[in-house]
Amino acid sequence: MGNFLVVLMIFLIVIANVIGFIIFKKEKSLYSAALIILLLAGVFGGLGIALSLFINDAFAIFYGLNLAGYLLINSLIVFLIAILVTIIKKFYSIF
């Protein structure tokens, strides 16, 4: 069961990033992509907690919290990249 949850965690992280990338391509805004990944952290974290309730494992609730934590860090990284890109664009527009 442990390997299944790890594979599912990786799958959900990849899905969140793909959805964020699609939003980025559609709206041309890294900030929107970071916001979507942040919102998906809560959704997929709740989904992980619901899955842990479904399999009746008291310690599996930390799976959903762990997944949400990884996606929050992922969202923070995308947000920092968006800030860096904005600073670089402003810098090049000056010169």
PDB file of N, CA and C in Angstrom:
ATOM      1  N   MET A   1       0.824  -1.191   0.000  1.00  0.00           N
ATOM      2  CA  MET A   1       0.000   0.000   0.000  1.00  0.00           C
ATOM      3  C   MET A   1       0.864   1.249   0.000  1.00  0.00           C
ATOM      4  N   GLY A   2       2.032   1.187   0.640  1.00  0.00           N
ATOM      5  CA  GLY A   2       2.913   2.351   0.702  1.00  0.00           C
ATOM      6  C   GLY A   2       3.408   2.785  -0.667  1.00  0.00           C
ATOM      7  N   ASN A   3       3.758   1.804  -1.514  1.00  0.00           N
ATOM      8  CA  ASN A   3       4.224   2.148  -2.856  1.00  0.00           C
ATOM      9  C   ASN A   3       3.114   2.784  -3.679  1.00  0.00           C
ATOM     10  N   PHE A   4       1.892   2.321  -3.494  1.00  0.00           N
ATOM     11  CA  PHE A   4       0.757   2.895  -4.215  1.00  0.00           C
ATOM     12  C   PHE A   4       0.574   4.364  -3.854  1.00  0.00           C
ATOM     13  N   LEU A   5       0.700   4.687  -2.561  1.00  0.00           N
ATOM     14  CA  LEU A   5       0.513   6.070  -2.130  1.00  0.00           C
ATOM     15  C   LEU A   5       1.627   6.976  -2.633  1.00  0.00           C
ATOM     16  N   VAL A   6       2.853   6.461  -2.709  1.00  0.00           N
ATOM     17  CA  VAL A   6       3.959   7.264  -3.232  1.00  0.00           C
ATOM     18  C   VAL A   6       3.753   7.535  -4.719  1.00  0.00           C
ATOM     19  N   VAL A   7       3.356   6.517  -5.470  1.00  0.00           N
ATOM     20  CA  VAL A   7       3.089   6.694  -6.899  1.00  0.00           C
ATOM     21  C   VAL A   7       1.928   7.660  -7.100  1.00  0.00           C
ATOM     22  N   LEU A   8       0.896   7.545  -6.282  1.00  0.00           N
ATOM     23  CA  LEU A   8      -0.242   8.459  -6.384  1.00  0.00           C
ATOM     24  C   LEU A   8       0.173   9.889  -6.053  1.00  0.00           C
ATOM     25  N   MET A   9       1.054  10.061  -5.069  1.00  0.00           N
ATOM     26  CA  MET A   9       1.528  11.402  -4.713  1.00  0.00           C
ATOM     27  C   MET A   9       2.289  12.027  -5.881  1.00  0.00           C
ATOM     28  N   ILE A  10       3.188  11.271  -6.485  1.00  0.00           N
ATOM     29  CA  ILE A  10       3.945  11.775  -7.632  1.00  0.00           C
ATOM     30  C   ILE A  10       3.003  12.101  -8.780  1.00  0.00           C
ATOM     31  N   PHE A  11       2.017  11.243  -9.016  1.00  0.00           N
ATOM     32  CA  PHE A  11       1.047  11.468 -10.086  1.00  0.00           C
ATOM     33  C   PHE A  11       0.263  12.757  -9.851  1.00  0.00           C
ATOM     34  N   LEU A  12      -0.187  12.998  -8.628  1.00  0.00           N
ATOM     35  CA  LEU A  12      -0.961  14.206  -8.337  1.00  0.00           C
ATOM     36  C   LEU A  12      -0.103  15.465  -8.433  1.00  0.00           C
ATOM     37  N   ILE A  13       1.162  15.381  -8.050  1.00  0.00           N
ATOM     38  CA  ILE A  13       2.057  16.530  -8.192  1.00  0.00           C
ATOM     39  C   ILE A  13       2.271  16.849  -9.669  1.00  0.00           C
ATOM     40  N   VAL A  14       2.467  15.815 -10.483  1.00  0.00           N
ATOM     41  CA  VAL A  14       2.633  16.030 -11.924  1.00  0.00           C
ATOM     42  C   VAL A  14       1.356  16.612 -12.526  1.00  0.00           C
ATOM     43  N   ILE A  15       0.197  16.103 -12.120  1.00  0.00           N
ATOM     44  CA  ILE A  15      -1.077  16.628 -12.627  1.00  0.00           C
ATOM     45  C   ILE A  15      -1.237  18.097 -12.255  1.00  0.00           C
ATOM     46  N   ALA A  16      -0.888  18.475 -11.027  1.00  0.00           N
ATOM     47  CA  ALA A  16      -0.996  19.881 -10.611  1.00  0.00           C
ATOM     48  C   ALA A  16      -0.084  20.762 -11.453  1.00  0.00           C
ATOM     49  N   ASN A  17       1.124  20.283 -11.732  1.00  0.00           N
ATOM     50  CA  ASN A  17       2.044  21.070 -12.550  1.00  0.00           C
ATOM     51  C   ASN A  17       1.577  21.171 -13.995  1.00  0.00           C
ATOM     52  N   VAL A  18       1.007  20.113 -14.527  1.00  0.00           N
ATOM     53  CA  VAL A  18       0.486  20.154 -15.897  1.00  0.00           C
ATOM     54  C   VAL A  18      -0.685  21.127 -15.984  1.00  0.00           C
ATOM     55  N   ILE A  19      -1.571  21.102 -15.009  1.00  0.00           N
ATOM     56  CA  ILE A  19      -2.694  22.048 -14.999  1.00  0.00           C
ATOM     57  C   ILE A  19      -2.172  23.477 -14.878  1.00  0.00           C
ATOM     58  N   GLY A  20      -1.180  23.696 -14.032  1.00  0.00           N
ATOM     59  CA  GLY A  20      -0.564  25.017 -13.920  1.00  0.00           C
ATOM     60  C   GLY A  20       0.076  25.458 -15.224  1.00  0.00           C
ATOM     61  N   PHE A  21       0.722  24.529 -15.938  1.00  0.00           N
ATOM     62  CA  PHE A  21       1.337  24.852 -17.226  1.00  0.00           C
ATOM     63  C   PHE A  21       0.287  25.208 -18.269  1.00  0.00           C
ATOM     64  N   ILE A  22      -0.825  24.485 -18.275  1.00  0.00           N
ATOM     65  CA  ILE A  22      -1.910  24.793 -19.218  1.00  0.00           C
ATOM     66  C   ILE A  22      -2.476  26.178 -18.934  1.00  0.00           C
ATOM     67  N   ILE A  23      -2.661  26.502 -17.668  1.00  0.00           N
ATOM     68  CA  ILE A  23      -3.145  27.839 -17.299  1.00  0.00           C
ATOM     69  C   ILE A  23      -2.125  28.898 -17.713  1.00  0.00           C
ATOM     70  N   PHE A  24      -0.837  28.599 -17.532  1.00  0.00           N
ATOM     71  CA  PHE A  24       0.202  29.547 -17.943  1.00  0.00           C
ATOM     72  C   PHE A  24       0.160  29.790 -19.444  1.00  0.00           C
ATOM     73  N   LYS A  25       0.014  28.733 -20.231  1.00  0.00           N
ATOM     74  CA  LYS A  25      -0.031  28.892 -21.686  1.00  0.00           C
ATOM     75  C   LYS A  25      -1.275  29.661 -22.122  1.00  0.00           C
ATOM     76  N   LYS A  26      -2.385  29.446 -21.424  1.00  0.00           N
ATOM     77  CA  LYS A  26      -3.631  30.102 -21.798  1.00  0.00           C
ATOM     78  C   LYS A  26      -3.622  31.578 -21.416  1.00  0.00           C
ATOM     79  N   GLU A  27      -3.181  31.904 -20.208  1.00  0.00           N
ATOM     80  CA  GLU A  27      -3.262  33.276 -19.709  1.00  0.00           C
ATOM     81  C   GLU A  27      -1.945  34.043 -19.810  1.00  0.00           C
ATOM     82  N   LYS A  28      -0.846  33.368 -20.143  1.00  0.00           N
ATOM     83  CA  LYS A  28       0.482  33.986 -20.232  1.00  0.00           C
ATOM     84  C   LYS A  28       0.889  34.674 -18.928  1.00  0.00           C
ATOM     85  N   SER A  29       0.542  34.075 -17.804  1.00  0.00           N
ATOM     86  CA  SER A  29       0.864  34.652 -16.501  1.00  0.00           C
ATOM     87  C   SER A  29       1.359  33.552 -15.561  1.00  0.00           C
ATOM     88  N   LEU A  30       2.602  33.707 -15.101  1.00  0.00           N
ATOM     89  CA  LEU A  30       3.136  32.752 -14.133  1.00  0.00           C
ATOM     90  C   LEU A  30       2.449  32.885 -12.782  1.00  0.00           C
ATOM     91  N   TYR A  31       1.958  34.084 -12.486  1.00  0.00           N
ATOM     92  CA  TYR A  31       1.260  34.286 -11.218  1.00  0.00           C
ATOM     93  C   TYR A  31      -0.037  33.477 -11.177  1.00  0.00           C
ATOM     94  N   SER A  32      -0.735  33.396 -12.302  1.00  0.00           N
ATOM     95  CA  SER A  32      -1.955  32.583 -12.362  1.00  0.00           C
ATOM     96  C   SER A  32      -1.627  31.104 -12.174  1.00  0.00           C
ATOM     97  N   ALA A  33      -0.534  30.668 -12.787  1.00  0.00           N
ATOM     98  CA  ALA A  33      -0.126  29.271 -12.638  1.00  0.00           C
ATOM     99  C   ALA A  33       0.219  28.958 -11.185  1.00  0.00           C
ATOM    100  N   ALA A  34       0.921  29.877 -10.518  1.00  0.00           N
ATOM    101  CA  ALA A  34       1.264  29.665  -9.106  1.00  0.00           C
ATOM    102  C   ALA A  34       0.009  29.628  -8.243  1.00  0.00           C
ATOM    103  N   LEU A  35      -0.956  30.490  -8.557  1.00  0.00           N
ATOM    104  CA  LEU A  35      -2.206  30.502  -7.796  1.00  0.00           C
ATOM    105  C   LEU A  35      -2.984  29.206  -7.998  1.00  0.00           C
ATOM    106  N   ILE A  36      -3.039  28.713  -9.221  1.00  0.00           N
ATOM    107  CA  ILE A  36      -3.754  27.460  -9.493  1.00  0.00           C
ATOM    108  C   ILE A  36      -3.084  26.300  -8.760  1.00  0.00           C
ATOM    109  N   ILE A  37      -1.757  26.245  -8.775  1.00  0.00           N
ATOM    110  CA  ILE A  37      -1.059  25.170  -8.058  1.00  0.00           C
ATOM    111  C   ILE A  37      -1.305  25.290  -6.558  1.00  0.00           C
ATOM    112  N   LEU A  38      -1.361  26.527  -6.046  1.00  0.00           N
ATOM    113  CA  LEU A  38      -1.669  26.735  -4.629  1.00  0.00           C
ATOM    114  C   LEU A  38      -3.071  26.236  -4.298  1.00  0.00           C
ATOM    115  N   LEU A  39      -4.038  26.529  -5.155  1.00  0.00           N
ATOM    116  CA  LEU A  39      -5.403  26.049  -4.923  1.00  0.00           C
ATOM    117  C   LEU A  39      -5.482  24.531  -5.042  1.00  0.00           C
ATOM    118  N   LEU A  40      -4.739  23.968  -5.992  1.00  0.00           N
ATOM    119  CA  LEU A  40      -4.735  22.513  -6.141  1.00  0.00           C
ATOM    120  C   LEU A  40      -4.064  21.826  -4.956  1.00  0.00           C
ATOM    121  N   ALA A  41      -3.192  22.533  -4.236  1.00  0.00           N
ATOM    122  CA  ALA A  41      -2.590  21.957  -3.025  1.00  0.00           C
ATOM    123  C   ALA A  41      -3.678  21.631  -2.017  1.00  0.00           C
ATOM    124  N   GLY A  42      -4.612  22.547  -1.833  1.00  0.00           N
ATOM    125  CA  GLY A  42      -5.721  22.284  -0.914  1.00  0.00           C
ATOM    126  C   GLY A  42      -6.647  21.198  -1.412  1.00  0.00           C
ATOM    127  N   VAL A  43      -6.942  21.239  -2.708  1.00  0.00           N
ATOM    128  CA  VAL A  43      -7.859  20.243  -3.280  1.00  0.00           C
ATOM    129  C   VAL A  43      -7.254  18.848  -3.216  1.00  0.00           C
ATOM    130  N   PHE A  44      -6.010  18.706  -3.678  1.00  0.00           N
ATOM    131  CA  PHE A  44      -5.385  17.386  -3.683  1.00  0.00           C
ATOM    132  C   PHE A  44      -5.034  16.924  -2.271  1.00  0.00           C
ATOM    133  N   GLY A  45      -4.734  17.857  -1.366  1.00  0.00           N
ATOM    134  CA  GLY A  45      -4.521  17.489   0.035  1.00  0.00           C
ATOM    135  C   GLY A  45      -5.792  16.931   0.647  1.00  0.00           C
ATOM    136  N   GLY A  46      -6.907  17.591   0.375  1.00  0.00           N
ATOM    137  CA  GLY A  46      -8.205  17.082   0.839  1.00  0.00           C
ATOM    138  C   GLY A  46      -8.542  15.745   0.217  1.00  0.00           C
ATOM    139  N   LEU A  47      -8.187  15.581  -1.054  1.00  0.00           N
ATOM    140  CA  LEU A  47      -8.406  14.302  -1.727  1.00  0.00           C
ATOM    141  C   LEU A  47      -7.570  13.202  -1.074  1.00  0.00           C
ATOM    142  N   GLY A  48      -6.335  13.532  -0.703  1.00  0.00           N
ATOM    143  CA  GLY A  48      -5.483  12.553  -0.020  1.00  0.00           C
ATOM    144  C   GLY A  48      -6.018  12.183   1.348  1.00  0.00           C
ATOM    145  N   ILE A  49      -6.555  13.173   2.069  1.00  0.00           N
ATOM    146  CA  ILE A  49      -7.157  12.890   3.378  1.00  0.00           C
ATOM    147  C   ILE A  49      -8.401  12.029   3.208  1.00  0.00           C
ATOM    148  N   ALA A  50      -9.213  12.318   2.191  1.00  0.00           N
ATOM    149  CA  ALA A  50     -10.403  11.500   1.932  1.00  0.00           C
ATOM    150  C   ALA A  50     -10.006  10.070   1.572  1.00  0.00           C
ATOM    151  N   LEU A  51      -8.924   9.931   0.810  1.00  0.00           N
ATOM    152  CA  LEU A  51      -8.439   8.595   0.471  1.00  0.00           C
ATOM    153  C   LEU A  51      -7.992   7.854   1.722  1.00  0.00           C
ATOM    154  N   SER A  52      -7.345   8.567   2.643  1.00  0.00           N
ATOM    155  CA  SER A  52      -6.901   7.911   3.876  1.00  0.00           C
ATOM    156  C   SER A  52      -8.088   7.482   4.730  1.00  0.00           C
ATOM    157  N   LEU A  53      -9.168   8.247   4.707  1.00  0.00           N
ATOM    158  CA  LEU A  53     -10.370   7.830   5.431  1.00  0.00           C
ATOM    159  C   LEU A  53     -11.012   6.617   4.766  1.00  0.00           C
ATOM    160  N   PHE A  54     -10.900   6.546   3.445  1.00  0.00           N
ATOM    161  CA  PHE A  54     -11.473   5.427   2.707  1.00  0.00           C
ATOM    162  C   PHE A  54     -10.737   4.124   3.003  1.00  0.00           C
ATOM    163  N   ILE A  55      -9.403   4.189   3.161  1.00  0.00           N
ATOM    164  CA  ILE A  55      -8.654   2.955   3.413  1.00  0.00           C
ATOM    165  C   ILE A  55      -8.554   2.636   4.900  1.00  0.00           C
ATOM    166  N   ASN A  56      -9.177   3.454   5.758  1.00  0.00           N
ATOM    167  CA  ASN A  56      -9.259   3.211   7.204  1.00  0.00           C
ATOM    168  C   ASN A  56      -7.893   3.036   7.865  1.00  0.00           C
ATOM    169  N   ASP A  57      -7.002   3.956   7.611  1.00  0.00           N
ATOM    170  CA  ASP A  57      -5.694   3.948   8.250  1.00  0.00           C
ATOM    171  C   ASP A  57      -5.518   5.282   8.961  1.00  0.00           C
ATOM    172  N   ALA A  58      -5.342   5.219  10.270  1.00  0.00           N
ATOM    173  CA  ALA A  58      -5.273   6.450  11.058  1.00  0.00           C
ATOM    174  C   ALA A  58      -4.049   7.289  10.705  1.00  0.00           C
ATOM    175  N   PHE A  59      -2.949   6.650  10.373  1.00  0.00           N
ATOM    176  CA  PHE A  59      -1.737   7.397  10.060  1.00  0.00           C
ATOM    177  C   PHE A  59      -1.699   7.864   8.610  1.00  0.00           C
ATOM    178  N   ALA A  60      -2.585   7.355   7.783  1.00  0.00           N
ATOM    179  CA  ALA A  60      -2.599   7.757   6.378  1.00  0.00           C
ATOM    180  C   ALA A  60      -3.130   9.167   6.188  1.00  0.00           C
ATOM    181  N   ILE A  61      -3.735   9.754   7.220  1.00  0.00           N
ATOM    182  CA  ILE A  61      -4.197  11.141   7.098  1.00  0.00           C
ATOM    183  C   ILE A  61      -3.008  12.074   6.881  1.00  0.00           C
ATOM    184  N   PHE A  62      -1.838  11.681   7.383  1.00  0.00           N
ATOM    185  CA  PHE A  62      -0.641  12.487   7.154  1.00  0.00           C
ATOM    186  C   PHE A  62      -0.216  12.451   5.694  1.00  0.00           C
ATOM    187  N   TYR A  63      -0.707  11.465   4.938  1.00  0.00           N
ATOM    188  CA  TYR A  63      -0.429  11.412   3.508  1.00  0.00           C
ATOM    189  C   TYR A  63      -0.994  12.649   2.818  1.00  0.00           C
ATOM    190  N   GLY A  64      -2.241  12.980   3.117  1.00  0.00           N
ATOM    191  CA  GLY A  64      -2.859  14.159   2.511  1.00  0.00           C
ATOM    192  C   GLY A  64      -2.173  15.438   2.931  1.00  0.00           C
ATOM    193  N   LEU A  65      -1.786  15.517   4.194  1.00  0.00           N
ATOM    194  CA  LEU A  65      -1.076  16.703   4.670  1.00  0.00           C
ATOM    195  C   LEU A  65       0.307  16.807   4.031  1.00  0.00           C
ATOM    196  N   ASN A  66       0.964  15.674   3.846  1.00  0.00           N
ATOM    197  CA  ASN A  66       2.276  15.655   3.204  1.00  0.00           C
ATOM    198  C   ASN A  66       2.164  16.085   1.746  1.00  0.00           C
ATOM    199  N   LEU A  67       1.149  15.584   1.058  1.00  0.00           N
ATOM    200  CA  LEU A  67       0.927  15.956  -0.339  1.00  0.00           C
ATOM    201  C   LEU A  67       0.649  17.448  -0.462  1.00  0.00           C
ATOM    202  N   ALA A  68      -0.174  17.980   0.422  1.00  0.00           N
ATOM    203  CA  ALA A  68      -0.478  19.415   0.396  1.00  0.00           C
ATOM    204  C   ALA A  68       0.779  20.235   0.676  1.00  0.00           C
ATOM    205  N   GLY A  69       1.612  19.761   1.566  1.00  0.00           N
ATOM    206  CA  GLY A  69       2.863  20.468   1.854  1.00  0.00           C
ATOM    207  C   GLY A  69       3.790  20.518   0.656  1.00  0.00           C
ATOM    208  N   TYR A  70       3.922  19.385  -0.039  1.00  0.00           N
ATOM    209  CA  TYR A  70       4.758  19.371  -1.240  1.00  0.00           C
ATOM    210  C   TYR A  70       4.218  20.326  -2.300  1.00  0.00           C
ATOM    211  N   LEU A  71       2.905  20.353  -2.469  1.00  0.00           N
ATOM    212  CA  LEU A  71       2.323  21.243  -3.472  1.00  0.00           C
ATOM    213  C   LEU A  71       2.424  22.707  -3.051  1.00  0.00           C
ATOM    214  N   LEU A  72       2.381  22.989  -1.756  1.00  0.00           N
ATOM    215  CA  LEU A  72       2.595  24.367  -1.297  1.00  0.00           C
ATOM    216  C   LEU A  72       4.021  24.824  -1.600  1.00  0.00           C
ATOM    217  N   ILE A  73       4.985  23.954  -1.361  1.00  0.00           N
ATOM    218  CA  ILE A  73       6.374  24.279  -1.690  1.00  0.00           C
ATOM    219  C   ILE A  73       6.522  24.456  -3.197  1.00  0.00           C
ATOM    220  N   ASN A  74       5.872  23.604  -3.968  1.00  0.00           N
ATOM    221  CA  ASN A  74       5.897  23.700  -5.424  1.00  0.00           C
ATOM    222  C   ASN A  74       5.312  25.034  -5.878  1.00  0.00           C
ATOM    223  N   SER A  75       4.210  25.433  -5.289  1.00  0.00           N
ATOM    224  CA  SER A  75       3.583  26.705  -5.628  1.00  0.00           C
ATOM    225  C   SER A  75       4.490  27.874  -5.268  1.00  0.00           C
ATOM    226  N   LEU A  76       5.162  27.785  -4.134  1.00  0.00           N
ATOM    227  CA  LEU A  76       6.089  28.837  -3.725  1.00  0.00           C
ATOM    228  C   LEU A  76       7.246  28.963  -4.711  1.00  0.00           C
ATOM    229  N   ILE A  77       7.758  27.845  -5.186  1.00  0.00           N
ATOM    230  CA  ILE A  77       8.845  27.870  -6.169  1.00  0.00           C
ATOM    231  C   ILE A  77       8.383  28.532  -7.459  1.00  0.00           C
ATOM    232  N   VAL A  78       7.185  28.181  -7.939  1.00  0.00           N
ATOM    233  CA  VAL A  78       6.653  28.803  -9.160  1.00  0.00           C
ATOM    234  C   VAL A  78       6.446  30.293  -8.944  1.00  0.00           C
ATOM    235  N   PHE A  79       5.964  30.690  -7.770  1.00  0.00           N
ATOM    236  CA  PHE A  79       5.758  32.107  -7.474  1.00  0.00           C
ATOM    237  C   PHE A  79       7.087  32.863  -7.454  1.00  0.00           C
ATOM    238  N   LEU A  80       8.118  32.275  -6.859  1.00  0.00           N
ATOM    239  CA  LEU A  80       9.433  32.917  -6.841  1.00  0.00           C
ATOM    240  C   LEU A  80      10.019  33.031  -8.244  1.00  0.00           C
ATOM    241  N   ILE A  81       9.797  32.024  -9.084  1.00  0.00           N
ATOM    242  CA  ILE A  81      10.236  32.100 -10.479  1.00  0.00           C
ATOM    243  C   ILE A  81       9.496  33.219 -11.200  1.00  0.00           C
ATOM    244  N   ALA A  82       8.196  33.372 -10.918  1.00  0.00           N
ATOM    245  CA  ALA A  82       7.419  34.451 -11.537  1.00  0.00           C
ATOM    246  C   ALA A  82       7.959  35.815 -11.121  1.00  0.00           C
ATOM    247  N   ILE A  83       8.308  35.966  -9.861  1.00  0.00           N
ATOM    248  CA  ILE A  83       8.885  37.233  -9.397  1.00  0.00           C
ATOM    249  C   ILE A  83      10.232  37.487 -10.072  1.00  0.00           C
ATOM    250  N   LEU A  84      11.063  36.454 -10.174  1.00  0.00           N
ATOM    251  CA  LEU A  84      12.364  36.593 -10.816  1.00  0.00           C
ATOM    252  C   LEU A  84      12.218  36.983 -12.285  1.00  0.00           C
ATOM    253  N   VAL A  85      11.285  36.359 -12.993  1.00  0.00           N
ATOM    254  CA  VAL A  85      11.053  36.691 -14.401  1.00  0.00           C
ATOM    255  C   VAL A  85      10.571  38.127 -14.536  1.00  0.00           C
ATOM    256  N   THR A  86       9.699  38.566 -13.644  1.00  0.00           N
ATOM    257  CA  THR A  86       9.213  39.948 -13.680  1.00  0.00           C
ATOM    258  C   THR A  86      10.352  40.933 -13.444  1.00  0.00           C
ATOM    259  N   ILE A  87      11.227  40.643 -12.498  1.00  0.00           N
ATOM    260  CA  ILE A  87      12.369  41.521 -12.227  1.00  0.00           C
ATOM    261  C   ILE A  87      13.300  41.578 -13.433  1.00  0.00           C
ATOM    262  N   ILE A  88      13.552  40.436 -14.059  1.00  0.00           N
ATOM    263  CA  ILE A  88      14.428  40.410 -15.235  1.00  0.00           C
ATOM    264  C   ILE A  88      13.805  41.195 -16.384  1.00  0.00           C
ATOM    265  N   LYS A  89      12.491  41.054 -16.602  1.00  0.00           N
ATOM    266  CA  LYS A  89      11.823  41.819 -17.663  1.00  0.00           C
ATOM    267  C   LYS A  89      11.896  43.316 -17.394  1.00  0.00           C
ATOM    268  N   LYS A  90      11.691  43.720 -16.160  1.00  0.00           N
ATOM    269  CA  LYS A  90      11.787  45.144 -15.809  1.00  0.00           C
ATOM    270  C   LYS A  90      13.215  45.652 -16.006  1.00  0.00           C
ATOM    271  N   PHE A  91      14.188  44.834 -15.652  1.00  0.00           N
ATOM    272  CA  PHE A  91      15.586  45.217 -15.799  1.00  0.00           C
ATOM    273  C   PHE A  91      15.939  45.413 -17.269  1.00  0.00           C
ATOM    274  N   TYR A  92      15.509  44.488 -18.139  1.00  0.00           N
ATOM    275  CA  TYR A  92      15.817  44.610 -19.559  1.00  0.00           C
ATOM    276  C   TYR A  92      15.026  45.721 -20.239  1.00  0.00           C
ATOM    277  N   SER A  93      13.864  46.070 -19.702  1.00  0.00           N
ATOM    278  CA  SER A  93      13.099  47.165 -20.305  1.00  0.00           C
ATOM    279  C   SER A  93      13.725  48.523 -19.984  1.00  0.00           C
ATOM    280  N   ILE A  94      14.510  48.594 -18.910  1.00  0.00           N
ATOM    281  CA  ILE A  94      15.196  49.839 -18.565  1.00  0.00           C
ATOM    282  C   ILE A  94      16.333  50.103 -19.548  1.00  0.00           C
ATOM    283  N   PHE A  95      17.058  49.049 -19.920  1.00  0.00           N
ATOM    284  CA  PHE A  95      18.209  49.222 -20.809  1.00  0.00           C
ATOM    285  C   PHE A  95      17.820  48.990 -22.203  1.00  0.00           C
TER     286      PHE A  95
END
